[in-house]
Amino acid sequence: MELSCFGSHLGWAACVLVLALLLRARRKGSWHPRMSPTDLTGKTAIVTGANCGIGKYVAWDLARRNARTILACRSRERGQAAVEEIQKATGNPNVLLRIVDISNMASIRRFAKQIRQEEKRLDILVNNAGVTGLPFSITSEGLEQTFATNYLGPFLLTNLLLDTMKGSTPARIVNVSSFRHVQGTANMKHLTGEERPKSFDQSYRSTKLMNILFTNELARRLQGTGVTANSLNPGTVKTEIMRHFNWLVRLLFSIVSIFLMSAEEGAASTIYCAVSEEVADITGKYFDSDCRLVLPTTAARDPGLARKLWEESERLTGLAESGRM
């Protein structure tokens, strides 16, 4: 059993290595954040999961452009350390920490209420926070942990902040997905654990598919408001996202990570969607890690499935009954 498990991990590592090499080989790098002159003075941005990895680098880039940058983090200690580091590196004193647990709908409601009370505007919302490798578990609110963190949390947060964003147009919503959405499914029963995904990996892939479906339906609903919504694939990036896996997987990931993109490289497509002039009037689209506009899988482009998922998500997060309160 242990030998079989080890073999499967080696196979997983080999697949990651080959995929990483292929992705790096085809990455053209035609757009780099430092090439963009966009200045965000007077603008306000929120980045979730901004204490490390891609989120931290995105927050750094927005701060260096003079945005009032809010790091939405679960850990006060790690979040504050990131705030101080970004302030020092950019010279921007308007880098702030606000605490939120993206897997907890009550925490999200408190966070959104605080933002609406404190902030006069919100120009950029980057839904970056995400997890993988978590064992199947149901939260105290009756939601499956991975789906709550990666999908339902961002869905609720975005909806609760929409009115503020509509009053700050033009505004942008950026949802971080993954190329692995192609193997995902949009089974509504997974959201509450009524049906269990075959593995934690299937859970992750499915949440990334749901991120794109949510983005597309959101863009449709926001037509004519001046608020755009796009999703993206950051690529195969060396971050802390593997921290919930066992030691063997973490070791294998560490070995192949020398071939992976850095957090700075992985943040490029997120920053592109958040600040580039090229994306200013684009909405409801999906961008690859090299900032190219590409088509996601067929399931991700199904408008009927997107509407069905939206309606179920409204019900599960309480939006259908309480609105954006």
Protein backbone atom coordinates (compact mmCIF):
# COMPACT_ATOMS: atom_id res chain seq x y z
CA MET A 1 0.00 0.00 0.00
CA GLU A 2 2.77 2.40 0.98
CA LEU A 3 4.77 1.46 -2.13
CA SER A 4 1.72 2.03 -4.32
CA CYS A 5 1.10 5.38 -2.66
CA PHE A 6 4.75 6.36 -3.15
CA GLY A 7 4.54 5.38 -6.81
CA SER A 8 1.45 7.50 -7.32
CA HIS A 9 3.22 10.48 -5.73
CA LEU A 10 6.22 9.97 -8.02
CA GLY A 11 3.87 9.87 -10.99
CA TRP A 12 2.21 13.06 -9.80
CA ALA A 13 5.59 14.77 -9.41
CA ALA A 14 6.68 13.67 -12.89
CA CYS A 15 3.48 15.05 -14.40
CA VAL A 16 3.95 18.37 -12.59
CA LEU A 17 7.55 18.58 -13.80
CA VAL A 18 6.67 17.90 -17.44
CA LEU A 19 3.76 20.32 -17.31
CA ALA A 20 5.87 23.02 -15.69
CA LEU A 21 8.56 22.68 -18.34
CA LEU A 22 5.98 22.87 -21.12
CA LEU A 23 4.32 25.93 -19.62
CA ARG A 24 7.62 27.72 -19.14
CA ALA A 25 8.67 26.86 -22.67
CA ARG A 26 5.55 28.37 -24.22
CA ARG A 27 5.40 31.44 -21.97
CA LYS A 28 6.27 34.36 -24.22
CA GLY A 29 6.48 36.95 -21.48
CA SER A 30 5.17 39.63 -23.86
CA TRP A 31 3.75 41.67 -20.96
CA HIS A 32 5.46 42.43 -17.69
CA PRO A 33 4.05 44.52 -14.82
CA ARG A 34 7.06 46.83 -14.92
CA MET A 35 6.20 47.68 -18.53
CA SER A 36 2.87 49.15 -17.49
CA PRO A 37 2.87 52.85 -16.56
CA THR A 38 -0.56 52.65 -14.89
CA ASP A 39 -0.74 54.89 -11.82
CA LEU A 40 -3.40 54.11 -9.19
CA THR A 41 -3.23 57.27 -7.11
CA GLY A 42 -6.66 57.85 -5.56
CA LYS A 43 -7.72 54.24 -6.20
CA THR A 44 -8.46 51.55 -3.62
CA ALA A 45 -7.72 47.86 -4.08
CA ILE A 46 -8.36 44.69 -2.06
CA VAL A 47 -6.31 41.51 -2.48
CA THR A 48 -7.36 38.37 -0.62
CA GLY A 49 -4.72 35.92 0.57
CA ALA A 50 -2.12 38.67 0.26
CA ASN A 51 0.30 37.66 3.02
CA CYS A 52 2.33 35.35 0.76
CA GLY A 53 2.84 34.05 -2.76
CA ILE A 54 1.02 35.52 -5.72
CA GLY A 55 -1.31 37.62 -3.57
CA LYS A 56 1.57 39.30 -1.78
CA TYR A 57 3.30 40.19 -5.02
CA VAL A 58 0.06 41.52 -6.53
CA ALA A 59 -0.45 43.69 -3.44
CA TRP A 60 3.13 44.94 -3.74
CA ASP A 61 2.59 45.90 -7.37
CA LEU A 62 -0.66 47.75 -6.64
CA ALA A 63 0.99 49.56 -3.74
CA ARG A 64 3.97 50.66 -5.85
CA ARG A 65 1.40 52.21 -8.22
CA ASN A 66 0.20 54.31 -5.27
CA ALA A 67 -3.09 52.50 -4.68
CA ARG A 68 -4.62 52.38 -1.22
CA THR A 69 -3.98 48.65 -0.88
CA ILE A 70 -5.91 46.47 1.56
CA LEU A 71 -4.50 43.03 2.35
CA ALA A 72 -7.39 40.73 3.27
CA CYS A 73 -5.80 37.95 5.33
CA ARG A 74 -6.79 35.36 7.91
CA SER A 75 -3.58 35.55 9.96
CA ARG A 76 -3.02 38.86 11.70
CA GLU A 77 0.65 38.10 12.38
CA ARG A 78 1.54 37.09 8.83
CA GLY A 79 -0.67 39.76 7.32
CA GLN A 80 0.91 42.54 9.36
CA ALA A 81 4.39 41.32 8.44
CA ALA A 82 3.42 41.51 4.75
CA VAL A 83 1.97 45.01 5.21
CA GLU A 84 5.16 46.31 6.79
CA GLU A 85 7.31 44.68 4.13
CA ILE A 86 5.26 46.19 1.29
CA GLN A 87 5.15 49.62 2.93
CA LYS A 88 8.93 49.60 3.28
CA ALA A 89 9.55 48.32 -0.26
CA THR A 90 7.17 50.75 -1.99
CA GLY A 91 7.21 53.78 0.29
CA ASN A 92 3.41 53.70 0.26
CA PRO A 93 1.98 54.23 3.77
CA ASN A 94 -1.56 53.41 2.57
CA VAL A 95 -1.09 49.66 2.78
CA LEU A 96 -3.53 48.22 5.31
CA LEU A 97 -4.45 44.89 6.87
CA ARG A 98 -8.01 43.73 7.36
CA ILE A 99 -8.80 40.33 8.83
CA VAL A 100 -11.13 37.87 7.11
CA ASP A 101 -11.53 34.10 6.93
CA ILE A 102 -12.61 33.48 3.34
CA SER A 103 -13.98 30.04 4.27
CA ASN A 104 -16.39 31.55 6.81
CA MET A 105 -19.44 33.40 5.50
CA ALA A 106 -20.04 35.24 8.80
CA SER A 107 -16.44 36.49 8.77
CA ILE A 108 -16.88 37.67 5.18
CA ARG A 109 -20.02 39.58 6.09
CA ARG A 110 -18.20 41.33 8.95
CA PHE A 111 -15.29 42.16 6.68
CA ALA A 112 -17.53 43.52 3.91
CA LYS A 113 -19.47 45.64 6.41
CA GLN A 114 -16.20 47.09 7.72
CA ILE A 115 -15.02 47.90 4.20
CA ARG A 116 -18.31 49.58 3.30
CA GLN A 117 -18.11 51.69 6.46
CA GLU A 118 -14.43 52.64 6.11
CA GLU A 119 -13.88 52.96 2.38
CA LYS A 120 -15.50 55.52 0.10
CA ARG A 121 -14.55 53.58 -3.01
CA LEU A 122 -13.27 50.23 -4.25
CA ASP A 123 -11.68 50.15 -7.69
CA ILE A 124 -10.01 46.74 -7.79
CA LEU A 125 -10.98 43.47 -6.09
CA VAL A 126 -8.60 40.54 -6.55
CA ASN A 127 -10.04 37.23 -5.33
CA ASN A 128 -6.74 35.39 -4.97
CA ALA A 129 -7.04 33.34 -1.75
CA GLY A 130 -7.23 29.60 -2.29
CA VAL A 131 -6.30 26.22 -0.83
CA THR A 132 -5.66 22.66 -1.98
CA GLY A 133 -4.85 19.44 -0.20
CA LEU A 134 -7.38 19.88 2.58
CA PRO A 135 -9.14 16.70 3.74
CA PHE A 136 -12.89 16.56 3.17
CA SER A 137 -14.62 18.45 5.98
CA ILE A 138 -17.81 20.39 6.62
CA THR A 139 -17.65 23.84 8.18
CA SER A 140 -19.87 25.01 11.04
CA GLU A 141 -22.00 26.72 8.39
CA GLY A 142 -22.67 23.46 6.56
CA LEU A 143 -20.32 24.02 3.62
CA GLU A 144 -17.48 21.84 2.37
CA GLN A 145 -14.19 23.49 3.41
CA THR A 146 -12.36 23.63 0.09
CA PHE A 147 -15.41 24.78 -1.85
CA ALA A 148 -16.19 27.39 0.81
CA THR A 149 -12.65 28.79 0.66
CA ASN A 150 -12.01 28.71 -3.07
CA TYR A 151 -15.44 29.47 -4.45
CA LEU A 152 -18.34 30.35 -2.14
CA GLY A 153 -16.26 32.79 -0.07
CA PRO A 154 -15.16 34.85 -3.09
CA PHE A 155 -18.71 34.67 -4.48
CA LEU A 156 -20.19 36.16 -1.32
CA LEU A 157 -17.45 38.73 -0.81
CA THR A 158 -17.76 40.03 -4.36
CA ASN A 159 -21.52 40.37 -4.14
CA LEU A 160 -21.33 42.20 -0.81
CA LEU A 161 -18.90 44.76 -2.25
CA LEU A 162 -20.60 45.30 -5.61
CA ASP A 163 -22.47 48.46 -4.67
CA THR A 164 -19.25 50.09 -3.51
CA MET A 165 -17.56 49.11 -6.76
CA LYS A 166 -20.44 50.38 -8.86
CA GLY A 167 -19.94 53.75 -7.19
CA SER A 168 -16.24 53.72 -8.11
CA THR A 169 -16.37 53.01 -11.84
CA PRO A 170 -14.50 52.07 -13.84
CA ALA A 171 -13.74 49.16 -11.52
CA ARG A 172 -12.35 45.67 -12.01
CA ILE A 173 -12.94 42.28 -10.39
CA VAL A 174 -10.19 39.71 -10.94
CA ASN A 175 -10.75 36.06 -10.05
CA VAL A 176 -7.76 33.73 -9.91
CA SER A 177 -8.60 30.35 -11.43
CA SER A 178 -6.28 27.68 -12.84
CA PHE A 179 -5.57 25.70 -15.99
CA ARG A 180 -6.64 22.69 -13.95
CA HIS A 181 -10.28 23.77 -14.27
CA VAL A 182 -10.38 21.67 -17.44
CA GLN A 183 -10.67 18.54 -15.27
CA GLY A 184 -13.23 20.01 -12.88
CA THR A 185 -16.97 19.45 -12.56
CA ALA A 186 -19.69 21.82 -11.39
CA ASN A 187 -21.58 19.42 -9.13
CA MET A 188 -23.71 21.57 -6.81
CA LYS A 189 -23.89 18.76 -4.25
CA HIS A 190 -20.15 19.09 -3.66
CA LEU A 191 -20.68 22.56 -2.17
CA THR A 192 -22.26 21.16 0.97
CA GLY A 193 -20.59 17.76 0.96
CA GLU A 194 -23.86 16.03 0.13
CA GLU A 195 -21.75 14.20 -2.41
CA ARG A 196 -18.02 13.81 -1.87
CA PRO A 197 -15.50 14.50 -4.64
CA LYS A 198 -13.30 11.53 -5.49
CA SER A 199 -10.25 13.31 -4.08
CA PHE A 200 -9.01 16.65 -2.72
CA ASP A 201 -7.49 17.19 -6.15
CA GLN A 202 -10.90 16.92 -7.77
CA SER A 203 -12.20 19.41 -5.23
CA TYR A 204 -9.53 21.93 -6.22
CA ARG A 205 -10.09 21.44 -9.96
CA SER A 206 -13.84 21.84 -9.54
CA THR A 207 -13.55 25.04 -7.51
CA LYS A 208 -11.38 26.52 -10.26
CA LEU A 209 -14.06 25.67 -12.84
CA MET A 210 -16.67 27.30 -10.61
CA ASN A 211 -14.50 30.43 -10.39
CA ILE A 212 -14.75 30.86 -14.17
CA LEU A 213 -18.48 30.10 -14.32
CA PHE A 214 -19.04 32.66 -11.54
CA THR A 215 -16.93 35.25 -13.35
CA ASN A 216 -18.83 34.82 -16.61
CA GLU A 217 -22.25 35.12 -14.99
CA LEU A 218 -21.07 38.06 -12.91
CA ALA A 219 -19.85 39.85 -16.03
CA ARG A 220 -23.21 39.25 -17.69
CA ARG A 221 -25.07 40.72 -14.72
CA LEU A 222 -22.73 43.72 -14.56
CA GLN A 223 -23.09 44.76 -18.19
CA GLY A 224 -23.48 48.50 -18.47
CA THR A 225 -22.41 49.23 -14.87
CA GLY A 226 -18.77 50.11 -15.54
CA VAL A 227 -17.55 47.16 -13.46
CA THR A 228 -15.73 44.39 -15.32
CA ALA A 229 -14.96 40.82 -14.21
CA ASN A 230 -12.33 38.50 -15.64
CA SER A 231 -10.68 35.24 -14.59
CA LEU A 232 -7.22 33.91 -15.23
CA ASN A 233 -4.70 31.11 -14.96
CA PRO A 234 -1.52 32.15 -13.08
CA GLY A 235 0.41 29.11 -14.31
CA THR A 236 2.35 26.49 -12.36
CA VAL A 237 3.81 28.58 -9.57
CA LYS A 238 6.06 27.91 -6.60
CA THR A 239 3.97 29.11 -3.64
CA GLU A 240 2.83 27.84 -0.24
CA ILE A 241 -0.38 26.36 -1.67
CA MET A 242 0.98 22.81 -1.14
CA ARG A 243 1.35 23.32 2.63
CA HIS A 244 -1.66 21.12 3.47
CA PHE A 245 -0.25 18.05 1.70
CA ASN A 246 1.72 15.33 3.49
CA TRP A 247 5.51 15.56 3.81
CA LEU A 248 6.19 13.34 0.81
CA VAL A 249 4.15 15.43 -1.60
CA ARG A 250 5.71 18.61 -0.19
CA LEU A 251 9.18 17.11 -0.68
CA LEU A 252 8.44 16.13 -4.27
CA PHE A 253 6.95 19.54 -4.97
CA SER A 254 10.03 21.18 -3.48
CA ILE A 255 12.26 19.14 -5.79
CA VAL A 256 10.38 20.04 -8.98
CA SER A 257 9.78 23.63 -7.86
CA ILE A 258 13.10 24.74 -9.36
CA PHE A 259 11.35 24.40 -12.72
CA LEU A 260 8.22 26.29 -11.66
CA MET A 261 7.39 29.96 -12.06
CA SER A 262 8.22 32.30 -9.19
CA ALA A 263 5.46 34.17 -7.37
CA GLU A 264 6.49 37.30 -9.28
CA GLU A 265 6.13 35.52 -12.63
CA GLY A 266 2.88 33.89 -11.52
CA ALA A 267 1.40 37.24 -10.50
CA ALA A 268 1.78 38.72 -14.00
CA SER A 269 -1.59 37.63 -15.41
CA THR A 270 -3.42 38.76 -12.27
CA ILE A 271 -1.78 42.20 -12.41
CA TYR A 272 -2.46 42.36 -16.14
CA CYS A 273 -6.19 41.91 -15.55
CA ALA A 274 -6.14 44.38 -12.65
CA VAL A 275 -4.25 47.34 -14.17
CA SER A 276 -3.41 47.03 -17.85
CA GLU A 277 -4.95 49.42 -20.35
CA GLU A 278 -5.43 46.51 -22.75
CA VAL A 279 -8.07 44.94 -20.49
CA ALA A 280 -9.91 48.15 -19.59
CA ASP A 281 -13.03 47.35 -21.62
CA ILE A 282 -12.86 43.55 -21.56
CA THR A 283 -15.19 41.56 -19.32
CA GLY A 284 -16.29 37.96 -18.89
CA LYS A 285 -13.07 36.58 -20.36
CA TYR A 286 -10.31 34.16 -19.32
CA PHE A 287 -6.59 34.90 -19.60
CA ASP A 288 -3.68 32.47 -19.65
CA SER A 289 -0.49 32.77 -17.61
CA ASP A 290 1.21 34.66 -20.45
CA CYS A 291 -1.59 37.27 -20.40
CA ARG A 292 -3.19 35.99 -23.60
CA LEU A 293 -6.95 35.89 -24.04
CA VAL A 294 -7.85 32.20 -24.41
CA LEU A 295 -10.93 30.01 -24.25
CA PRO A 296 -11.52 27.98 -21.08
CA THR A 297 -13.06 24.53 -21.32
CA THR A 298 -16.52 24.08 -22.85
CA ALA A 299 -18.13 23.52 -19.45
CA ALA A 300 -16.74 26.84 -18.23
CA ARG A 301 -18.53 28.61 -21.10
CA ASP A 302 -21.95 27.07 -20.43
CA PRO A 303 -24.29 29.99 -19.56
CA GLY A 304 -27.04 27.70 -18.30
CA LEU A 305 -24.65 25.97 -15.91
CA ALA A 306 -23.31 29.36 -14.78
CA ARG A 307 -26.81 30.61 -13.94
CA LYS A 308 -27.67 27.40 -12.10
CA LEU A 309 -24.47 27.62 -10.06
CA TRP A 310 -25.13 31.28 -9.27
CA GLU A 311 -28.63 30.57 -7.99
CA GLU A 312 -27.45 27.71 -5.78
CA SER A 313 -24.57 29.84 -4.48
CA GLU A 314 -27.00 32.64 -3.59
CA ARG A 315 -29.05 30.17 -1.60
CA LEU A 316 -26.10 28.63 0.23
CA THR A 317 -24.50 31.95 1.16
CA GLY A 318 -27.78 33.53 2.24
CA LEU A 319 -27.79 36.19 -0.49
CA ALA A 320 -31.11 35.00 -1.84
CA GLU A 321 -32.84 35.74 1.47
CA SER A 322 -30.90 38.64 2.95
CA GLY A 323 -29.54 40.48 -0.08
CA ARG A 324 -26.20 42.27 0.30
CA MET A 325 -26.51 43.06 3.99
